[in-house]
PDB file of N, CA and C in Angstrom:
ATOM      1  N   MET A   1     100.973 118.461  69.022  1.00  0.00           N
ATOM      2  CA  MET A   1      98.990 118.061  68.811  1.00  0.00           C
ATOM      3  C   MET A   1      99.545 117.169  67.528  1.00  0.00           C
ATOM      4  N   GLU A   2      98.606 116.100  68.169  1.00  0.00           N
ATOM      5  CA  GLU A   2      97.780 115.237  66.992  1.00  0.00           C
ATOM      6  C   GLU A   2      96.755 115.872  66.635  1.00  0.00           C
ATOM      7  N   LEU A   3      96.536 115.966  64.940  1.00  0.00           N
ATOM      8  CA  LEU A   3      95.259 116.021  64.498  1.00  0.00           C
ATOM      9  C   LEU A   3      94.447 114.641  64.136  1.00  0.00           C
ATOM     10  N   ASN A   4      93.694 114.598  63.906  1.00  0.00           N
ATOM     11  CA  ASN A   4      92.997 113.159  63.467  1.00  0.00           C
ATOM     12  C   ASN A   4      93.387 111.782  64.085  1.00  0.00           C
ATOM     13  N   ASN A   5      93.464 111.577  65.308  1.00  0.00           N
ATOM     14  CA  ASN A   5      94.077 110.473  65.662  1.00  0.00           C
ATOM     15  C   ASN A   5      92.655 109.636  65.297  1.00  0.00           C
ATOM     16  N   LEU A   6      93.163 108.136  64.497  1.00  0.00           N
ATOM     17  CA  LEU A   6      92.108 107.421  63.971  1.00  0.00           C
ATOM     18  C   LEU A   6      90.727 106.512  65.453  1.00  0.00           C
ATOM     19  N   GLU A   7      91.791 106.375  66.671  1.00  0.00           N
ATOM     20  CA  GLU A   7      91.024 105.698  67.379  1.00  0.00           C
ATOM     21  C   GLU A   7      90.149 106.738  68.032  1.00  0.00           C
ATOM     22  N   ILE A   8      90.818 108.116  68.396  1.00  0.00           N
ATOM     23  CA  ILE A   8      89.764 108.947  69.230  1.00  0.00           C
ATOM     24  C   ILE A   8      88.556 109.244  67.915  1.00  0.00           C
ATOM     25  N   ARG A   9      88.942 109.312  66.844  1.00  0.00           N
ATOM     26  CA  ARG A   9      87.765 109.781  65.529  1.00  0.00           C
ATOM     27  C   ARG A   9      86.859 108.485  65.727  1.00  0.00           C
ATOM     28  N   ARG A  10      86.941 106.931  65.874  1.00  0.00           N
ATOM     29  CA  ARG A  10      85.918 106.309  66.074  1.00  0.00           C
ATOM     30  C   ARG A  10      85.131 106.507  67.431  1.00  0.00           C
ATOM     31  N   GLN A  11      85.979 106.818  68.439  1.00  0.00           N
ATOM     32  CA  GLN A  11      85.101 106.694  69.876  1.00  0.00           C
ATOM     33  C   GLN A  11      84.489 108.136  69.358  1.00  0.00           C
ATOM     34  N   ILE A  12      84.526 108.970  69.275  1.00  0.00           N
ATOM     35  CA  ILE A  12      83.738 110.524  68.883  1.00  0.00           C
ATOM     36  C   ILE A  12      82.659 110.263  68.280  1.00  0.00           C
ATOM     37  N   GLU A  13      82.935 109.181  66.834  1.00  0.00           N
ATOM     38  CA  GLU A  13      81.729 108.629  65.859  1.00  0.00           C
ATOM     39  C   GLU A  13      80.747 108.264  66.852  1.00  0.00           C
ATOM     40  N   THR A  14      81.302 107.182  67.600  1.00  0.00           N
ATOM     41  CA  THR A  14      80.070 106.256  68.610  1.00  0.00           C
ATOM     42  C   THR A  14      79.531 107.354  69.168  1.00  0.00           C
ATOM     43  N   TYR A  15      80.252 108.215  70.249  1.00  0.00           N
ATOM     44  CA  TYR A  15      79.335 109.359  70.828  1.00  0.00           C
ATOM     45  C   TYR A  15      78.418 110.254  70.484  1.00  0.00           C
ATOM     46  N   SER A  16      78.919 110.644  68.998  1.00  0.00           N
ATOM     47  CA  SER A  16      78.209 111.421  68.093  1.00  0.00           C
ATOM     48  C   SER A  16      77.106 110.546  67.750  1.00  0.00           C
ATOM     49  N   ASP A  17      77.048 109.512  67.260  1.00  0.00           N
ATOM     50  CA  ASP A  17      75.582 108.217  66.619  1.00  0.00           C
ATOM     51  C   ASP A  17      74.942 108.466  67.962  1.00  0.00           C
ATOM     52  N   ARG A  18      75.511 108.399  69.285  1.00  0.00           N
ATOM     53  CA  ARG A  18      74.458 108.240  70.710  1.00  0.00           C
ATOM     54  C   ARG A  18      73.976 109.555  70.659  1.00  0.00           C
ATOM     55  N   TYR A  19      74.346 110.528  70.640  1.00  0.00           N
ATOM     56  CA  TYR A  19      73.472 111.966  70.611  1.00  0.00           C
ATOM     57  C   TYR A  19      72.482 112.031  69.854  1.00  0.00           C
ATOM     58  N   GLU A  20      73.060 111.620  68.176  1.00  0.00           N
ATOM     59  CA  GLU A  20      71.970 111.944  66.934  1.00  0.00           C
ATOM     60  C   GLU A  20      70.584 110.787  67.811  1.00  0.00           C
ATOM     61  N   ARG A  21      70.845 109.885  67.986  1.00  0.00           N
ATOM     62  CA  ARG A  21      69.672 108.838  68.593  1.00  0.00           C
ATOM     63  C   ARG A  21      69.033 109.164  69.543  1.00  0.00           C
ATOM     64  N   ALA A  22      69.264 109.986  70.515  1.00  0.00           N
ATOM     65  CA  ALA A  22      68.903 110.680  71.569  1.00  0.00           C
ATOM     66  C   ALA A  22      67.785 111.573  71.002  1.00  0.00           C
ATOM     67  N   LEU A  23      68.666 112.466  70.160  1.00  0.00           N
ATOM     68  CA  LEU A  23      68.286 113.922  70.128  1.00  0.00           C
ATOM     69  C   LEU A  23      66.397 113.331  69.401  1.00  0.00           C
ATOM     70  N   ALA A  24      66.879 112.482  68.024  1.00  0.00           N
ATOM     71  CA  ALA A  24      65.297 111.900  67.177  1.00  0.00           C
ATOM     72  C   ALA A  24      64.900 111.182  68.170  1.00  0.00           C
ATOM     73  N   GLU A  25      64.937 110.668  69.206  1.00  0.00           N
ATOM     74  CA  GLU A  25      64.329 109.893  70.177  1.00  0.00           C
ATOM     75  C   GLU A  25      63.882 110.830  71.577  1.00  0.00           C
ATOM     76  N   ASN A  26      64.225 111.796  71.382  1.00  0.00           N
ATOM     77  CA  ASN A  26      63.641 112.850  72.598  1.00  0.00           C
ATOM     78  C   ASN A  26      63.895 112.159  73.696  1.00  0.00           C
ATOM     79  N   ASN A  27      65.447 111.685  74.033  1.00  0.00           N
ATOM     80  CA  ASN A  27      65.599 110.973  74.905  1.00  0.00           C
ATOM     81  C   ASN A  27      66.850 111.768  76.189  1.00  0.00           C
ATOM     82  N   VAL A  28      65.693 112.357  76.753  1.00  0.00           N
ATOM     83  CA  VAL A  28      66.286 113.813  77.436  1.00  0.00           C
ATOM     84  C   VAL A  28      67.738 113.221  78.730  1.00  0.00           C
ATOM     85  N   GLU A  29      67.628 111.886  79.450  1.00  0.00           N
ATOM     86  CA  GLU A  29      68.314 111.470  80.296  1.00  0.00           C
ATOM     87  C   GLU A  29      69.705 111.580  78.760  1.00  0.00           C
ATOM     88  N   THR A  30      69.668 110.860  78.110  1.00  0.00           N
ATOM     89  CA  THR A  30      70.931 110.712  77.228  1.00  0.00           C
ATOM     90  C   THR A  30      71.577 111.498  76.920  1.00  0.00           C
ATOM     91  N   LEU A  31      70.746 112.711  76.432  1.00  0.00           N
ATOM     92  CA  LEU A  31      70.899 113.970  76.141  1.00  0.00           C
ATOM     93  C   LEU A  31      72.007 114.740  77.087  1.00  0.00           C
ATOM     94  N   ASN A  32      71.327 114.805  78.285  1.00  0.00           N
ATOM     95  CA  ASN A  32      71.865 115.349  79.524  1.00  0.00           C
ATOM     96  C   ASN A  32      73.122 114.853  80.086  1.00  0.00           C
ATOM     97  N   ASP A  33      73.198 113.094  80.130  1.00  0.00           N
ATOM     98  CA  ASP A  33      74.388 112.306  80.178  1.00  0.00           C
ATOM     99  C   ASP A  33      75.828 112.860  79.352  1.00  0.00           C
ATOM    100  N   LEU A  34      75.145 113.062  77.898  1.00  0.00           N
ATOM    101  CA  LEU A  34      76.494 113.227  76.853  1.00  0.00           C
ATOM    102  C   LEU A  34      76.876 114.899  77.069  1.00  0.00           C
ATOM    103  N   PHE A  35      76.605 115.687  77.579  1.00  0.00           N
ATOM    104  CA  PHE A  35      76.921 117.015  78.238  1.00  0.00           C
ATOM    105  C   PHE A  35      77.860 117.402  79.225  1.00  0.00           C
ATOM    106  N   TRP A  36      78.160 118.207  78.989  1.00  0.00           N
ATOM    107  CA  TRP A  36      79.369 118.515  80.153  1.00  0.00           C
ATOM    108  C   TRP A  36      78.498 118.994  81.164  1.00  0.00           C
ATOM    109  N   VAL A  37      78.923 118.594  82.824  1.00  0.00           N
ATOM    110  CA  VAL A  37      77.965 119.169  84.010  1.00  0.00           C
ATOM    111  C   VAL A  37      79.166 119.965  84.746  1.00  0.00           C
ATOM    112  N   GLY A  38      78.441 121.126  84.500  1.00  0.00           N
ATOM    113  CA  GLY A  38      79.243 122.153  85.323  1.00  0.00           C
ATOM    114  C   GLY A  38      78.962 123.754  84.544  1.00  0.00           C
ATOM    115  N   SER A  39      79.296 124.736  85.241  1.00  0.00           N
ATOM    116  CA  SER A  39      78.916 125.721  84.524  1.00  0.00           C
ATOM    117  C   SER A  39      79.652 126.146  83.075  1.00  0.00           C
ATOM    118  N   GLU A  40      80.348 125.371  83.096  1.00  0.00           N
ATOM    119  CA  GLU A  40      81.488 125.645  81.732  1.00  0.00           C
ATOM    120  C   GLU A  40      80.468 125.250  80.834  1.00  0.00           C
ATOM    121  N   ALA A  41      79.257 124.119  80.718  1.00  0.00           N
ATOM    122  CA  ALA A  41      78.793 123.817  79.434  1.00  0.00           C
ATOM    123  C   ALA A  41      77.909 125.141  78.793  1.00  0.00           C
ATOM    124  N   VAL A  42      77.921 125.303  77.634  1.00  0.00           N
ATOM    125  CA  VAL A  42      77.231 126.240  76.546  1.00  0.00           C
ATOM    126  C   VAL A  42      76.644 125.845  75.424  1.00  0.00           C
ATOM    127  N   ARG A  43      75.722 126.064  75.164  1.00  0.00           N
ATOM    128  CA  ARG A  43      74.370 125.400  74.045  1.00  0.00           C
ATOM    129  C   ARG A  43      73.902 126.705  73.389  1.00  0.00           C
ATOM    130  N   TYR A  44      74.192 127.213  72.557  1.00  0.00           N
ATOM    131  CA  TYR A  44      73.612 128.096  71.890  1.00  0.00           C
ATOM    132  C   TYR A  44      72.631 127.376  70.574  1.00  0.00           C
ATOM    133  N   GLY A  45      71.347 127.470  70.699  1.00  0.00           N
ATOM    134  CA  GLY A  45      70.099 126.689  69.880  1.00  0.00           C
ATOM    135  C   GLY A  45      69.611 128.220  68.911  1.00  0.00           C
ATOM    136  N   VAL A  46      68.707 127.397  68.171  1.00  0.00           N
ATOM    137  CA  VAL A  46      68.316 128.121  66.934  1.00  0.00           C
ATOM    138  C   VAL A  46      67.345 129.370  68.121  1.00  0.00           C
ATOM    139  N   THR A  47      67.050 129.359  68.587  1.00  0.00           N
ATOM    140  CA  THR A  47      66.125 130.239  69.564  1.00  0.00           C
ATOM    141  C   THR A  47      66.539 130.375  71.230  1.00  0.00           C
ATOM    142  N   GLU A  48      67.633 129.978  71.548  1.00  0.00           N
ATOM    143  CA  GLU A  48      67.946 130.340  72.931  1.00  0.00           C
ATOM    144  C   GLU A  48      69.369 129.917  72.982  1.00  0.00           C
ATOM    145  N   ASN A  49      70.199 130.740  74.077  1.00  0.00           N
ATOM    146  CA  ASN A  49      71.191 130.813  74.600  1.00  0.00           C
ATOM    147  C   ASN A  49      71.343 130.442  75.994  1.00  0.00           C
ATOM    148  N   LEU A  50      71.857 128.818  76.194  1.00  0.00           N
ATOM    149  CA  LEU A  50      71.970 128.312  77.473  1.00  0.00           C
ATOM    150  C   LEU A  50      73.396 128.398  77.976  1.00  0.00           C
ATOM    151  N   TYR A  51      73.337 128.618  79.268  1.00  0.00           N
ATOM    152  CA  TYR A  51      74.839 128.627  79.884  1.00  0.00           C
ATOM    153  C   TYR A  51      74.452 127.768  81.442  1.00  0.00           C
ATOM    154  N   GLY A  52      75.580 127.010  80.952  1.00  0.00           N
ATOM    155  CA  GLY A  52      75.727 125.829  82.375  1.00  0.00           C
ATOM    156  C   GLY A  52      74.667 124.727  81.986  1.00  0.00           C
ATOM    157  N   SER A  53      75.201 123.198  82.760  1.00  0.00           N
ATOM    158  CA  SER A  53      74.114 122.438  82.544  1.00  0.00           C
ATOM    159  C   SER A  53      73.060 122.207  83.108  1.00  0.00           C
ATOM    160  N   ASP A  54      72.747 122.855  84.385  1.00  0.00           N
ATOM    161  CA  ASP A  54      71.652 123.511  85.129  1.00  0.00           C
ATOM    162  C   ASP A  54      70.498 123.854  83.596  1.00  0.00           C
ATOM    163  N   GLU A  55      70.677 125.122  83.027  1.00  0.00           N
ATOM    164  CA  GLU A  55      69.915 125.532  82.097  1.00  0.00           C
ATOM    165  C   GLU A  55      69.614 124.730  80.844  1.00  0.00           C
ATOM    166  N   ILE A  56      70.919 124.070  80.198  1.00  0.00           N
ATOM    167  CA  ILE A  56      70.978 123.039  79.629  1.00  0.00           C
ATOM    168  C   ILE A  56      69.874 121.792  79.903  1.00  0.00           C
ATOM    169  N   SER A  57      69.882 121.542  81.033  1.00  0.00           N
ATOM    170  CA  SER A  57      69.188 120.206  80.852  1.00  0.00           C
ATOM    171  C   SER A  57      67.443 120.731  81.415  1.00  0.00           C
ATOM    172  N   ALA A  58      67.713 121.879  82.131  1.00  0.00           N
ATOM    173  CA  ALA A  58      65.975 122.656  82.033  1.00  0.00           C
ATOM    174  C   ALA A  58      65.285 122.406  81.037  1.00  0.00           C
ATOM    175  N   PHE A  59      66.112 123.091  79.446  1.00  0.00           N
ATOM    176  CA  PHE A  59      65.530 123.569  78.390  1.00  0.00           C
ATOM    177  C   PHE A  59      65.099 121.939  77.823  1.00  0.00           C
ATOM    178  N   ARG A  60      65.934 121.140  77.935  1.00  0.00           N
ATOM    179  CA  ARG A  60      65.605 119.979  77.080  1.00  0.00           C
ATOM    180  C   ARG A  60      64.311 119.274  78.055  1.00  0.00           C
ATOM    181  N   SER A  61      64.248 119.124  79.289  1.00  0.00           N
ATOM    182  CA  SER A  61      63.085 118.657  80.143  1.00  0.00           C
ATOM    183  C   SER A  61      61.844 119.344  79.748  1.00  0.00           C
ATOM    184  N   ASN A  62      62.099 120.448  79.513  1.00  0.00           N
ATOM    185  CA  ASN A  62      60.722 121.338  79.183  1.00  0.00           C
ATOM    186  C   ASN A  62      60.200 121.304  77.664  1.00  0.00           C
ATOM    187  N   ARG A  63      61.224 120.611  76.448  1.00  0.00           N
ATOM    188  CA  ARG A  63      60.849 120.620  75.567  1.00  0.00           C
ATOM    189  C   ARG A  63      60.233 119.322  75.030  1.00  0.00           C
ATOM    190  N   THR A  64      58.460 119.494  75.210  1.00  0.00           N
ATOM    191  CA  THR A  64      58.085 118.034  75.190  1.00  0.00           C
ATOM    192  C   THR A  64      57.949 117.560  73.850  1.00  0.00           C
ATOM    193  N   ASP A  65      58.096 118.202  72.996  1.00  0.00           N
ATOM    194  CA  ASP A  65      58.028 117.598  71.395  1.00  0.00           C
ATOM    195  C   ASP A  65      59.565 116.973  71.258  1.00  0.00           C
ATOM    196  N   GLY A  66      60.957 117.497  71.791  1.00  0.00           N
ATOM    197  CA  GLY A  66      61.594 117.417  70.933  1.00  0.00           C
ATOM    198  C   GLY A  66      62.160 117.930  70.041  1.00  0.00           C
ATOM    199  N   ALA A  67      62.947 117.721  69.441  1.00  0.00           N
ATOM    200  CA  ALA A  67      64.009 118.741  68.534  1.00  0.00           C
ATOM    201  C   ALA A  67      63.294 117.978  66.723  1.00  0.00           C
ATOM    202  N   PRO A  68      62.930 119.204  66.197  1.00  0.00           N
ATOM    203  CA  PRO A  68      62.462 119.038  65.067  1.00  0.00           C
ATOM    204  C   PRO A  68      63.114 117.789  64.306  1.00  0.00           C
ATOM    205  N   ALA A  69      62.449 116.632  63.290  1.00  0.00           N
ATOM    206  CA  ALA A  69      62.690 115.661  62.979  1.00  0.00           C
ATOM    207  C   ALA A  69      63.591 116.325  61.978  1.00  0.00           C
ATOM    208  N   ARG A  70      64.753 115.573  61.763  1.00  0.00           N
ATOM    209  CA  ARG A  70      65.720 116.008  60.279  1.00  0.00           C
ATOM    210  C   ARG A  70      66.855 114.723  59.725  1.00  0.00           C
ATOM    211  N   LYS A  71      67.289 115.323  59.119  1.00  0.00           N
ATOM    212  CA  LYS A  71      68.193 114.188  58.380  1.00  0.00           C
ATOM    213  C   LYS A  71      69.589 115.061  58.048  1.00  0.00           C
ATOM    214  N   ASN A  72      70.236 114.267  59.010  1.00  0.00           N
ATOM    215  CA  ASN A  72      71.671 114.646  58.359  1.00  0.00           C
ATOM    216  C   ASN A  72      72.441 114.636  57.331  1.00  0.00           C
ATOM    217  N   LEU A  73      73.241 115.395  56.443  1.00  0.00           N
ATOM    218  CA  LEU A  73      73.554 115.423  55.239  1.00  0.00           C
ATOM    219  C   LEU A  73      74.848 115.413  55.152  1.00  0.00           C
ATOM    220  N   CYS A  74      76.117 115.557  56.145  1.00  0.00           N
ATOM    221  CA  CYS A  74      77.026 115.642  56.294  1.00  0.00           C
ATOM    222  C   CYS A  74      77.826 115.958  57.898  1.00  0.00           C
ATOM    223  N   ARG A  75      78.629 114.853  58.127  1.00  0.00           N
ATOM    224  CA  ARG A  75      79.378 115.186  59.124  1.00  0.00           C
ATOM    225  C   ARG A  75      80.913 115.258  58.843  1.00  0.00           C
ATOM    226  N   HIS A  76      81.586 116.189  60.050  1.00  0.00           N
ATOM    227  CA  HIS A  76      82.618 116.427  59.637  1.00  0.00           C
ATOM    228  C   HIS A  76      83.416 116.266  60.989  1.00  0.00           C
ATOM    229  N   ILE A  77      84.414 115.648  61.643  1.00  0.00           N
ATOM    230  CA  ILE A  77      84.966 115.484  62.630  1.00  0.00           C
ATOM    231  C   ILE A  77      86.341 115.464  62.292  1.00  0.00           C
ATOM    232  N   THR A  78      86.668 116.254  63.596  1.00  0.00           N
ATOM    233  CA  THR A  78      88.240 116.748  63.715  1.00  0.00           C
ATOM    234  C   THR A  78      88.355 116.484  65.186  1.00  0.00           C
ATOM    235  N   THR A  79      89.636 115.584  65.530  1.00  0.00           N
ATOM    236  CA  THR A  79      90.264 115.529  66.770  1.00  0.00           C
ATOM    237  C   THR A  79      91.383 116.491  66.705  1.00  0.00           C
ATOM    238  N   ILE A  80      91.236 116.938  67.959  1.00  0.00           N
ATOM    239  CA  ILE A  80      92.385 117.632  68.414  1.00  0.00           C
ATOM    240  C   ILE A  80      94.296 117.070  69.067  1.00  0.00           C
ATOM    241  N   ASN A  81      93.457 116.237  70.025  1.00  0.00           N
ATOM    242  CA  ASN A  81      94.053 115.587  70.833  1.00  0.00           C
ATOM    243  C   ASN A  81      93.514 114.394  71.482  1.00  0.00           C
ATOM    244  N   ASN A  82      93.857 114.016  72.414  1.00  0.00           N
ATOM    245  CA  ASN A  82      93.538 112.608  72.947  1.00  0.00           C
ATOM    246  C   ASN A  82      92.100 113.107  73.319  1.00  0.00           C
ATOM    247  N   ASN A  83      91.681 114.207  74.112  1.00  0.00           N
ATOM    248  CA  ASN A  83      90.913 114.997  74.733  1.00  0.00           C
ATOM    249  C   ASN A  83      89.813 115.699  74.369  1.00  0.00           C
ATOM    250  N   CYS A  84      89.980 116.058  73.134  1.00  0.00           N
ATOM    251  CA  CYS A  84      89.285 117.359  72.289  1.00  0.00           C
ATOM    252  C   CYS A  84      89.004 116.783  70.889  1.00  0.00           C
ATOM    253  N   ALA A  85      87.671 117.017  70.549  1.00  0.00           N
ATOM    254  CA  ALA A  85      87.531 116.842  69.240  1.00  0.00           C
ATOM    255  C   ALA A  85      85.977 117.766  68.758  1.00  0.00           C
ATOM    256  N   ILE A  86      86.013 117.974  67.304  1.00  0.00           N
ATOM    257  CA  ILE A  86      85.208 118.980  66.895  1.00  0.00           C
ATOM    258  C   ILE A  86      84.428 118.453  66.419  1.00  0.00           C
ATOM    259  N   VAL A  87      82.835 118.432  66.353  1.00  0.00           N
ATOM    260  CA  VAL A  87      82.087 117.880  65.057  1.00  0.00           C
ATOM    261  C   VAL A  87      80.943 118.594  64.861  1.00  0.00           C
ATOM    262  N   CYS A  88      81.279 118.710  62.987  1.00  0.00           N
ATOM    263  CA  CYS A  88      80.196 119.583  62.659  1.00  0.00           C
ATOM    264  C   CYS A  88      79.166 118.830  61.567  1.00  0.00           C
ATOM    265  N   ILE A  89      78.173 119.326  61.669  1.00  0.00           N
ATOM    266  CA  ILE A  89      77.007 118.564  60.905  1.00  0.00           C
ATOM    267  C   ILE A  89      76.306 119.085  60.176  1.00  0.00           C
ATOM    268  N   GLU A  90      75.614 118.835  59.410  1.00  0.00           N
ATOM    269  CA  GLU A  90      74.929 119.975  58.674  1.00  0.00           C
ATOM    270  C   GLU A  90      73.713 119.364  58.068  1.00  0.00           C
ATOM    271  N   PHE A  91      72.293 119.748  58.673  1.00  0.00           N
ATOM    272  CA  PHE A  91      71.138 118.729  58.093  1.00  0.00           C
ATOM    273  C   PHE A  91      70.250 119.381  57.621  1.00  0.00           C
ATOM    274  N   ARG A  92      68.675 118.885  57.272  1.00  0.00           N
ATOM    275  CA  ARG A  92      67.856 119.469  56.714  1.00  0.00           C
ATOM    276  C   ARG A  92      66.895 118.904  57.510  1.00  0.00           C
ATOM    277  N   GLN A  93      66.202 119.911  57.886  1.00  0.00           N
ATOM    278  CA  GLN A  93      64.667 119.243  59.050  1.00  0.00           C
ATOM    279  C   GLN A  93      64.105 118.811  57.592  1.00  0.00           C
ATOM    280  N   GLN A  94      62.904 117.753  58.708  1.00  0.00           N
ATOM    281  CA  GLN A  94      61.840 117.006  57.697  1.00  0.00           C
ATOM    282  C   GLN A  94      60.888 117.738  56.986  1.00  0.00           C
ATOM    283  N   ALA A  95      60.485 118.584  57.846  1.00  0.00           N
ATOM    284  CA  ALA A  95      59.109 119.338  57.896  1.00  0.00           C
ATOM    285  C   ALA A  95      59.283 120.148  56.853  1.00  0.00           C
ATOM    286  N   SER A  96      60.434 121.359  57.227  1.00  0.00           N
ATOM    287  CA  SER A  96      60.364 122.431  56.656  1.00  0.00           C
ATOM    288  C   SER A  96      61.400 122.325  55.244  1.00  0.00           C
ATOM    289  N   GLN A  97      61.920 121.348  55.157  1.00  0.00           N
ATOM    290  CA  GLN A  97      62.939 121.134  53.982  1.00  0.00           C
ATOM    291  C   GLN A  97      64.169 122.524  54.657  1.00  0.00           C
ATOM    292  N   ARG A  98      64.303 123.369  55.615  1.00  0.00           N
ATOM    293  CA  ARG A  98      65.863 124.209  55.859  1.00  0.00           C
ATOM    294  C   ARG A  98      66.626 123.269  56.183  1.00  0.00           C
ATOM    295  N   LYS A  99      67.735 123.965  55.782  1.00  0.00           N
ATOM    296  CA  LYS A  99      68.981 123.410  56.228  1.00  0.00           C
ATOM    297  C   LYS A  99      69.850 124.088  57.355  1.00  0.00           C
ATOM    298  N   GLY A 100      70.297 123.583  58.332  1.00  0.00           N
ATOM    299  CA  GLY A 100      70.722 124.030  59.307  1.00  0.00           C
ATOM    300  C   GLY A 100      72.203 123.374  59.620  1.00  0.00           C
ATOM    301  N   ARG A 101      73.059 123.863  60.930  1.00  0.00           N
ATOM    302  CA  ARG A 101      74.163 123.502  61.164  1.00  0.00           C
ATOM    303  C   ARG A 101      74.138 123.264  62.536  1.00  0.00           C
ATOM    304  N   GLN A 102      75.165 122.403  63.121  1.00  0.00           N
ATOM    305  CA  GLN A 102      75.568 121.980  63.997  1.00  0.00           C
ATOM    306  C   GLN A 102      76.675 121.909  64.351  1.00  0.00           C
ATOM    307  N   MET A 103      77.536 122.570  65.211  1.00  0.00           N
ATOM    308  CA  MET A 103      78.907 122.083  65.848  1.00  0.00           C
ATOM    309  C   MET A 103      79.057 121.979  67.375  1.00  0.00           C
ATOM    310  N   GLN A 104      79.668 120.769  67.625  1.00  0.00           N
ATOM    311  CA  GLN A 104      79.610 120.956  68.910  1.00  0.00           C
ATOM    312  C   GLN A 104      80.981 120.250  69.300  1.00  0.00           C
ATOM    313  N   THR A 105      81.759 120.696  70.988  1.00  0.00           N
ATOM    314  CA  THR A 105      83.014 120.632  71.132  1.00  0.00           C
ATOM    315  C   THR A 105      83.087 119.611  72.232  1.00  0.00           C
ATOM    316  N   TRP A 106      83.559 118.299  71.655  1.00  0.00           N
ATOM    317  CA  TRP A 106      83.671 117.268  72.996  1.00  0.00           C
ATOM    318  C   TRP A 106      85.078 117.239  73.807  1.00  0.00           C
ATOM    319  N   VAL A 107      84.600 116.870  74.910  1.00  0.00           N
ATOM    320  CA  VAL A 107      86.049 116.619  75.315  1.00  0.00           C
ATOM    321  C   VAL A 107      86.016 115.384  76.526  1.00  0.00           C
ATOM    322  N   CYS A 108      87.122 114.841  76.615  1.00  0.00           N
ATOM    323  CA  CYS A 108      86.917 113.558  77.464  1.00  0.00           C
ATOM    324  C   CYS A 108      87.799 113.950  78.681  1.00  0.00           C
ATOM    325  N   SER A 109      86.676 113.266  79.788  1.00  0.00           N
ATOM    326  CA  SER A 109      87.191 113.190  81.169  1.00  0.00           C
ATOM    327  C   SER A 109      86.745 112.159  81.847  1.00  0.00           C
ATOM    328  N   ASN A 110      87.752 111.558  82.704  1.00  0.00           N
ATOM    329  CA  ASN A 110      87.757 110.302  82.868  1.00  0.00           C
ATOM    330  C   ASN A 110      86.875 109.302  82.331  1.00  0.00           C
ATOM    331  N   ASN A 111      87.543 108.871  81.092  1.00  0.00           N
ATOM    332  CA  ASN A 111      87.108 108.454  79.918  1.00  0.00           C
ATOM    333  C   ASN A 111      85.922 108.272  79.260  1.00  0.00           C
ATOM    334  N   LYS A 112      85.124 109.328  79.718  1.00  0.00           N
ATOM    335  CA  LYS A 112      84.178 109.757  79.014  1.00  0.00           C
ATOM    336  C   LYS A 112      83.846 110.962  78.206  1.00  0.00           C
ATOM    337  N   TRP A 113      83.476 110.890  76.844  1.00  0.00           N
ATOM    338  CA  TRP A 113      83.523 112.051  76.161  1.00  0.00           C
ATOM    339  C   TRP A 113      82.072 113.269  76.599  1.00  0.00           C
ATOM    340  N   LYS A 114      81.917 114.120  76.651  1.00  0.00           N
ATOM    341  CA  LYS A 114      81.144 114.991  76.686  1.00  0.00           C
ATOM    342  C   LYS A 114      80.975 116.217  76.022  1.00  0.00           C
ATOM    343  N   ILE A 115      79.839 116.822  75.698  1.00  0.00           N
ATOM    344  CA  ILE A 115      80.276 118.292  74.800  1.00  0.00           C
ATOM    345  C   ILE A 115      80.027 119.192  76.171  1.00  0.00           C
ATOM    346  N   ILE A 116      81.221 119.970  75.715  1.00  0.00           N
ATOM    347  CA  ILE A 116      81.321 121.339  76.360  1.00  0.00           C
ATOM    348  C   ILE A 116      80.675 122.739  75.879  1.00  0.00           C
ATOM    349  N   ALA A 117      80.271 122.851  74.483  1.00  0.00           N
ATOM    350  CA  ALA A 117      79.936 123.604  73.857  1.00  0.00           C
ATOM    351  C   ALA A 117      79.451 123.032  72.608  1.00  0.00           C
ATOM    352  N   ALA A 118      78.041 123.825  71.850  1.00  0.00           N
ATOM    353  CA  ALA A 118      77.200 123.417  71.177  1.00  0.00           C
ATOM    354  C   ALA A 118      76.538 124.490  70.363  1.00  0.00           C
ATOM    355  N   HIS A 119      76.492 124.505  69.266  1.00  0.00           N
ATOM    356  CA  HIS A 119      76.076 125.548  68.581  1.00  0.00           C
ATOM    357  C   HIS A 119      75.306 125.096  67.584  1.00  0.00           C
ATOM    358  N   VAL A 120      73.623 125.334  67.576  1.00  0.00           N
ATOM    359  CA  VAL A 120      72.613 124.879  66.360  1.00  0.00           C
ATOM    360  C   VAL A 120      72.192 126.041  65.684  1.00  0.00           C
ATOM    361  N   SER A 121      72.210 126.256  64.388  1.00  0.00           N
ATOM    362  CA  SER A 121      71.399 127.625  63.396  1.00  0.00           C
ATOM    363  C   SER A 121      70.846 126.973  62.381  1.00  0.00           C
ATOM    364  N   LEU A 122      69.905 127.147  61.617  1.00  0.00           N
ATOM    365  CA  LEU A 122      69.004 127.516  60.458  1.00  0.00           C
ATOM    366  C   LEU A 122      69.650 128.744  59.288  1.00  0.00           C
ATOM    367  N   LEU A 123      69.434 127.891  58.147  1.00  0.00           N
ATOM    368  CA  LEU A 123      69.931 128.886  57.243  1.00  0.00           C
ATOM    369  C   LEU A 123      68.714 129.513  56.666  1.00  0.00           C
ATOM    370  N   HIS A 124      68.783 130.668  56.000  1.00  0.00           N
ATOM    371  CA  HIS A 124      67.569 131.539  55.581  1.00  0.00           C
ATOM    372  C   HIS A 124      67.523 130.792  54.286  1.00  0.00           C
TER     373      HIS A 124
END
């Protein structure tokens, strides 16, 4: 196992940046494209637990305002091998100033990185 391969890290940074832009713009098509398609995908949100890409996609499509605006404070990326990486982000919501956390597990299949598991939570 090779941790923190520099080339894989660069790829994940690019994908993570793309995800964050899509989140800020409520670009549902891109958000859906970056998630794993299948029943294996899981997303635990602040108020919802979603299992499978169909539930995740439906949630995104029904959330008309998108995610609350936020500022990312810290991003930590760990690559596990050439096909798996973890992205951890600490953020602050702009409206409420509440801090939150986001973790994503990314996997590579057919030369495309996809989020297979994600968890978002707010600190009290």
